[in-house]
Amino acid sequence: MIKIIRLADGIGSGKSTIVNIFESLRVPIFYADQAGREVLDFDPMVKNEVMKLLGDEAYLSGKANRQ
């Protein structure tokens, strides 16, 4: 049986501490923020749709303009 635990809370709530404990126990970790950034930066279909919605200034030097 696979258990999935989602960590989401405010700044300073201890998410990183829990992740560090899980990593030390060799629990596989999926970093959704990192995966989302990669999709936003590198998936041509996503980039095209974002630029259609927000304009060409949505990307600077090929990466999402997060400002």
N, C-alpha and C. Protein backbone atom coordinates (compact mmCIF):
# COMPACT_ATOMS: atom_id res chain seq x y z
N MET A 1 0.84 -1.18 0.00
CA MET A 1 0.00 0.00 0.00
C MET A 1 0.89 1.24 0.00
N ILE A 2 0.57 2.17 -0.89
CA ILE A 2 1.32 3.41 -0.99
C ILE A 2 0.55 4.51 -0.26
N LYS A 3 1.25 5.24 0.57
CA LYS A 3 0.64 6.39 1.24
C LYS A 3 1.21 7.65 0.63
N ILE A 4 0.36 8.61 0.38
CA ILE A 4 0.77 9.90 -0.16
C ILE A 4 0.49 10.95 0.90
N ILE A 5 1.50 11.73 1.21
CA ILE A 5 1.37 12.81 2.18
C ILE A 5 1.66 14.12 1.47
N ARG A 6 0.77 15.06 1.58
CA ARG A 6 0.93 16.36 0.96
C ARG A 6 1.30 17.37 2.04
N LEU A 7 2.41 18.08 1.82
CA LEU A 7 2.82 19.12 2.76
C LEU A 7 2.53 20.48 2.14
N ALA A 8 1.65 21.22 2.76
CA ALA A 8 1.32 22.56 2.28
C ALA A 8 0.87 23.37 3.48
N ASP A 9 1.54 24.47 3.71
CA ASP A 9 1.16 25.36 4.80
C ASP A 9 1.91 26.66 4.62
N GLY A 10 1.79 27.54 5.54
CA GLY A 10 2.39 28.86 5.43
C GLY A 10 3.89 28.85 5.65
N ILE A 11 4.47 30.01 5.42
CA ILE A 11 5.91 30.20 5.63
C ILE A 11 6.23 29.97 7.10
N GLY A 12 7.32 29.24 7.35
CA GLY A 12 7.77 29.00 8.72
C GLY A 12 6.99 27.94 9.46
N SER A 13 6.22 27.13 8.75
CA SER A 13 5.40 26.13 9.42
C SER A 13 6.11 24.80 9.63
N GLY A 14 7.32 24.64 9.07
CA GLY A 14 8.08 23.42 9.29
C GLY A 14 8.08 22.43 8.15
N LYS A 15 7.60 22.85 6.98
CA LYS A 15 7.56 21.93 5.82
C LYS A 15 8.96 21.40 5.49
N SER A 16 9.93 22.29 5.44
CA SER A 16 11.30 21.86 5.08
C SER A 16 11.87 20.89 6.10
N THR A 17 11.56 21.11 7.35
CA THR A 17 12.03 20.19 8.40
C THR A 17 11.46 18.80 8.19
N ILE A 18 10.16 18.73 7.89
CA ILE A 18 9.52 17.44 7.66
C ILE A 18 10.11 16.77 6.42
N VAL A 19 10.31 17.54 5.35
CA VAL A 19 10.90 16.98 4.12
C VAL A 19 12.29 16.44 4.42
N ASN A 20 13.09 17.18 5.19
CA ASN A 20 14.43 16.70 5.54
C ASN A 20 14.38 15.39 6.33
N ILE A 21 13.42 15.27 7.22
CA ILE A 21 13.27 14.02 7.97
C ILE A 21 12.89 12.88 7.02
N PHE A 22 11.91 13.13 6.15
CA PHE A 22 11.52 12.11 5.18
C PHE A 22 12.69 11.70 4.30
N GLU A 23 13.45 12.68 3.82
CA GLU A 23 14.60 12.36 2.97
C GLU A 23 15.62 11.51 3.72
N SER A 24 15.85 11.81 4.99
CA SER A 24 16.81 11.02 5.78
C SER A 24 16.32 9.58 5.96
N LEU A 25 15.01 9.39 5.89
CA LEU A 25 14.42 8.04 5.98
C LEU A 25 14.25 7.40 4.61
N ARG A 26 14.78 8.07 3.58
CA ARG A 26 14.73 7.60 2.20
C ARG A 26 13.30 7.49 1.65
N VAL A 27 12.43 8.37 2.13
CA VAL A 27 11.07 8.45 1.60
C VAL A 27 11.15 9.24 0.29
N PRO A 28 10.59 8.72 -0.79
CA PRO A 28 10.61 9.47 -2.06
C PRO A 28 9.83 10.77 -1.93
N ILE A 29 10.41 11.83 -2.45
CA ILE A 29 9.79 13.16 -2.37
C ILE A 29 9.53 13.66 -3.79
N PHE A 30 8.34 14.18 -4.02
CA PHE A 30 8.01 14.83 -5.28
C PHE A 30 7.85 16.32 -5.00
N TYR A 31 8.66 17.12 -5.67
CA TYR A 31 8.62 18.57 -5.47
C TYR A 31 7.73 19.19 -6.55
N ALA A 32 6.47 19.45 -6.20
CA ALA A 32 5.50 19.95 -7.16
C ALA A 32 5.87 21.34 -7.68
N ASP A 33 6.40 22.21 -6.82
CA ASP A 33 6.79 23.55 -7.26
C ASP A 33 7.86 23.48 -8.34
N GLN A 34 8.85 22.63 -8.11
CA GLN A 34 9.94 22.46 -9.08
C GLN A 34 9.40 21.89 -10.39
N ALA A 35 8.54 20.90 -10.31
CA ALA A 35 7.97 20.30 -11.52
C ALA A 35 7.14 21.33 -12.29
N GLY A 36 6.39 22.13 -11.57
CA GLY A 36 5.59 23.17 -12.22
C GLY A 36 6.45 24.20 -12.92
N ARG A 37 7.56 24.60 -12.28
CA ARG A 37 8.48 25.55 -12.92
C ARG A 37 9.07 24.97 -14.19
N GLU A 38 9.43 23.70 -14.16
CA GLU A 38 10.01 23.06 -15.34
C GLU A 38 9.00 23.02 -16.49
N VAL A 39 7.76 22.68 -16.18
CA VAL A 39 6.72 22.66 -17.22
C VAL A 39 6.53 24.06 -17.78
N LEU A 40 6.44 25.05 -16.91
CA LEU A 40 6.24 26.43 -17.33
C LEU A 40 7.40 26.94 -18.18
N ASP A 41 8.62 26.53 -17.85
CA ASP A 41 9.80 27.01 -18.57
C ASP A 41 10.11 26.23 -19.84
N PHE A 42 9.77 24.94 -19.89
CA PHE A 42 10.29 24.11 -20.98
C PHE A 42 9.24 23.45 -21.87
N ASP A 43 7.99 23.40 -21.47
CA ASP A 43 6.97 22.75 -22.30
C ASP A 43 6.48 23.75 -23.35
N PRO A 44 6.77 23.47 -24.65
CA PRO A 44 6.42 24.43 -25.70
C PRO A 44 4.92 24.75 -25.76
N MET A 45 4.07 23.75 -25.52
CA MET A 45 2.63 23.99 -25.57
C MET A 45 2.21 24.94 -24.44
N VAL A 46 2.74 24.70 -23.25
CA VAL A 46 2.42 25.55 -22.10
C VAL A 46 2.93 26.96 -22.35
N LYS A 47 4.18 27.08 -22.82
CA LYS A 47 4.75 28.40 -23.09
C LYS A 47 3.89 29.16 -24.10
N ASN A 48 3.45 28.49 -25.15
CA ASN A 48 2.64 29.12 -26.17
C ASN A 48 1.32 29.63 -25.58
N GLU A 49 0.67 28.82 -24.78
CA GLU A 49 -0.60 29.22 -24.18
C GLU A 49 -0.43 30.38 -23.21
N VAL A 50 0.65 30.35 -22.43
CA VAL A 50 0.91 31.44 -21.48
C VAL A 50 1.16 32.74 -22.24
N MET A 51 1.94 32.67 -23.32
CA MET A 51 2.22 33.87 -24.11
C MET A 51 0.96 34.38 -24.80
N LYS A 52 0.06 33.47 -25.22
CA LYS A 52 -1.20 33.92 -25.82
C LYS A 52 -2.04 34.67 -24.78
N LEU A 53 -1.99 34.19 -23.55
CA LEU A 53 -2.78 34.79 -22.48
C LEU A 53 -2.16 36.09 -21.96
N LEU A 54 -0.83 36.09 -21.76
CA LEU A 54 -0.17 37.21 -21.08
C LEU A 54 0.73 38.04 -21.99
N GLY A 55 0.97 37.58 -23.20
CA GLY A 55 1.85 38.31 -24.11
C GLY A 55 3.28 37.80 -24.05
N ASP A 56 4.08 38.26 -25.01
CA ASP A 56 5.46 37.80 -25.12
C ASP A 56 6.31 38.13 -23.89
N GLU A 57 5.93 39.19 -23.16
CA GLU A 57 6.70 39.58 -21.98
C GLU A 57 6.57 38.57 -20.84
N ALA A 58 5.75 37.55 -21.02
CA ALA A 58 5.61 36.50 -20.00
C ALA A 58 6.88 35.67 -19.88
N TYR A 59 7.75 35.76 -20.90
CA TYR A 59 9.01 35.00 -20.88
C TYR A 59 10.17 35.95 -21.18
N LEU A 60 11.23 35.80 -20.41
CA LEU A 60 12.47 36.55 -20.63
C LEU A 60 13.59 35.53 -20.81
N SER A 61 14.32 35.65 -21.88
CA SER A 61 15.44 34.73 -22.18
C SER A 61 14.99 33.27 -22.14
N GLY A 62 13.76 33.02 -22.58
CA GLY A 62 13.27 31.65 -22.66
C GLY A 62 12.69 31.08 -21.38
N LYS A 63 12.75 31.82 -20.29
CA LYS A 63 12.22 31.34 -19.00
C LYS A 63 11.10 32.24 -18.56
N ALA A 64 10.20 31.69 -17.77
CA ALA A 64 9.04 32.44 -17.31
C ALA A 64 9.46 33.68 -16.53
N ASN A 65 8.83 34.79 -16.85
CA ASN A 65 9.04 36.04 -16.13
C ASN A 65 8.14 36.01 -14.89
N ARG A 66 8.68 35.62 -13.78
CA ARG A 66 7.89 35.40 -12.57
C ARG A 66 7.46 36.69 -11.88
N GLN A 67 7.98 37.80 -12.31
CA GLN A 67 7.56 39.07 -11.70
C GLN A 67 6.17 39.39 -12.15
